[in-house]
C-alpha atoms as a PDB file:
ATOM      1  CA  MET A   1     -75.421  76.613 -11.667  1.00  0.00           C
ATOM      2  CA  SER A   2     -72.679  74.030 -11.981  1.00  0.00           C
ATOM      3  CA  LYS A   3     -72.610  70.271 -11.583  1.00  0.00           C
ATOM      4  CA  VAL A   4     -69.869  67.963 -10.268  1.00  0.00           C
ATOM      5  CA  PHE A   5     -68.887  64.626 -11.827  1.00  0.00           C
ATOM      6  CA  LYS A   6     -66.405  61.878 -11.025  1.00  0.00           C
ATOM      7  CA  VAL A   7     -64.832  60.632 -14.283  1.00  0.00           C
ATOM      8  CA  TRP A   8     -62.568  57.610 -14.807  1.00  0.00           C
ATOM      9  CA  PRO A   9     -61.336  55.566 -17.806  1.00  0.00           C
ATOM     10  CA  LYS A  10     -62.925  52.163 -18.466  1.00  0.00           C
ATOM     11  CA  ARG A  11     -59.664  50.475 -19.488  1.00  0.00           C
ATOM     12  CA  VAL A  12     -56.011  51.108 -20.296  1.00  0.00           C
ATOM     13  CA  LYS A  13     -55.628  53.007 -23.568  1.00  0.00           C
ATOM     14  CA  ARG A  14     -52.282  53.532 -25.325  1.00  0.00           C
ATOM     15  CA  THR A  15     -52.425  55.884 -28.298  1.00  0.00           C
ATOM     16  CA  ASN A  16     -49.905  58.250 -29.925  1.00  0.00           C
ATOM     17  CA  GLY A  17     -47.379  57.878 -27.118  1.00  0.00           C
ATOM     18  CA  THR A  18     -49.922  58.570 -24.360  1.00  0.00           C
ATOM     19  CA  VAL A  19     -51.218  56.173 -21.724  1.00  0.00           C
ATOM     20  CA  LEU A  20     -54.593  56.413 -20.001  1.00  0.00           C
ATOM     21  CA  THR A  21     -55.211  54.065 -17.058  1.00  0.00           C
ATOM     22  CA  PRO A  22     -58.264  53.384 -14.863  1.00  0.00           C
ATOM     23  CA  GLU A  23     -56.382  54.845 -11.882  1.00  0.00           C
ATOM     24  CA  MET A  24     -56.538  58.302 -13.495  1.00  0.00           C
ATOM     25  CA  VAL A  25     -59.715  59.434 -11.731  1.00  0.00           C
ATOM     26  CA  VAL A  26     -60.726  63.104 -11.830  1.00  0.00           C
ATOM     27  CA  ILE A  27     -63.445  65.260 -10.289  1.00  0.00           C
ATOM     28  CA  VAL A  28     -64.868  67.697 -12.857  1.00  0.00           C
ATOM     29  CA  THR A  29     -67.058  70.727 -12.229  1.00  0.00           C
ATOM     30  CA  THR A  30     -69.014  71.858 -15.289  1.00  0.00           C
ATOM     31  CA  LYS A  31     -69.992  75.474 -15.852  1.00  0.00           C
ATOM     32  CA  ASN A  32     -73.615  74.607 -16.636  1.00  0.00           C
ATOM     33  CA  HIS A  33     -76.122  72.221 -15.110  1.00  0.00           C
ATOM     34  CA  VAL A  34     -75.833  69.336 -17.610  1.00  0.00           C
ATOM     35  CA  SER A  35     -76.428  65.594 -17.545  1.00  0.00           C
ATOM     36  CA  SER A  36     -72.937  64.643 -18.790  1.00  0.00           C
ATOM     37  CA  PRO A  37     -69.460  66.171 -18.418  1.00  0.00           C
ATOM     38  CA  PHE A  38     -68.921  65.523 -22.147  1.00  0.00           C
ATOM     39  CA  VAL A  39     -71.709  67.855 -23.366  1.00  0.00           C
ATOM     40  CA  ASN A  40     -69.487  70.910 -23.893  1.00  0.00           C
ATOM     41  CA  GLY A  41     -67.007  69.065 -26.105  1.00  0.00           C
ATOM     42  CA  ALA A  42     -65.556  67.615 -22.879  1.00  0.00           C
ATOM     43  CA  GLN A  43     -63.646  70.871 -22.328  1.00  0.00           C
ATOM     44  CA  GLU A  44     -63.676  70.607 -18.531  1.00  0.00           C
ATOM     45  CA  VAL A  45     -62.570  66.956 -18.727  1.00  0.00           C
ATOM     46  CA  LYS A  46     -59.732  67.845 -21.137  1.00  0.00           C
ATOM     47  CA  ASP A  47     -58.544  70.709 -18.930  1.00  0.00           C
ATOM     48  CA  THR A  48     -58.631  68.626 -15.755  1.00  0.00           C
ATOM     49  CA  TYR A  49     -56.692  65.699 -17.255  1.00  0.00           C
ATOM     50  CA  MET A  50     -54.068  68.087 -18.638  1.00  0.00           C
ATOM     51  CA  ARG A  51     -53.724  69.919 -15.312  1.00  0.00           C
ATOM     52  CA  LEU A  52     -53.528  66.833 -13.078  1.00  0.00           C
ATOM     53  CA  TYR A  53     -51.843  64.209 -15.261  1.00  0.00           C
ATOM     54  CA  GLN A  54     -50.373  66.137 -18.240  1.00  0.00           C
ATOM     55  CA  PHE A  55     -52.542  63.802 -20.337  1.00  0.00           C
ATOM     56  CA  ASP A  56     -53.574  65.200 -23.743  1.00  0.00           C
ATOM     57  CA  TYR A  57     -57.157  64.051 -24.317  1.00  0.00           C
ATOM     58  CA  LYS A  58     -57.148  65.193 -27.946  1.00  0.00           C
ATOM     59  CA  LYS A  59     -53.780  63.621 -28.830  1.00  0.00           C
ATOM     60  CA  ALA A  60     -54.965  60.305 -27.378  1.00  0.00           C
ATOM     61  CA  CYS A  61     -58.114  60.446 -29.562  1.00  0.00           C
ATOM     62  CA  CYS A  62     -60.371  59.925 -26.543  1.00  0.00           C
ATOM     63  CA  THR A  63     -64.149  59.874 -26.736  1.00  0.00           C
ATOM     64  CA  GLN A  64     -66.965  59.655 -24.215  1.00  0.00           C
ATOM     65  CA  SER A  65     -67.099  55.871 -24.723  1.00  0.00           C
ATOM     66  CA  ASP A  66     -63.598  55.567 -23.181  1.00  0.00           C
ATOM     67  CA  PHE A  67     -64.870  56.863 -19.836  1.00  0.00           C
ATOM     68  CA  GLU A  68     -67.407  56.195 -17.126  1.00  0.00           C
ATOM     69  CA  TYR A  69     -68.805  58.939 -14.937  1.00  0.00           C
ATOM     70  CA  VAL A  70     -71.179  59.544 -12.080  1.00  0.00           C
ATOM     71  CA  ALA A  71     -72.779  62.768 -10.845  1.00  0.00           C
ATOM     72  CA  LEU A  72     -71.718  63.671  -7.312  1.00  0.00           C
ATOM     73  CA  ASP A  73     -74.457  66.179  -6.514  1.00  0.00           C
END
């Protein structure tokens, strides 16, 4: 059973030539029923940001504290 989350950055973050802005909102579906989209090493969040915005989560040194999220289901 999967779970759906809306994830967005708390503030503008500029690191290693990448820019993350609060307008970069994504909808993430996790493979398991979890309480946070960051439980699985944020793999779904990383994949979604790369697919939609060509934003490299790892290169930007992002962590869960850089984002806010809410469960949609």
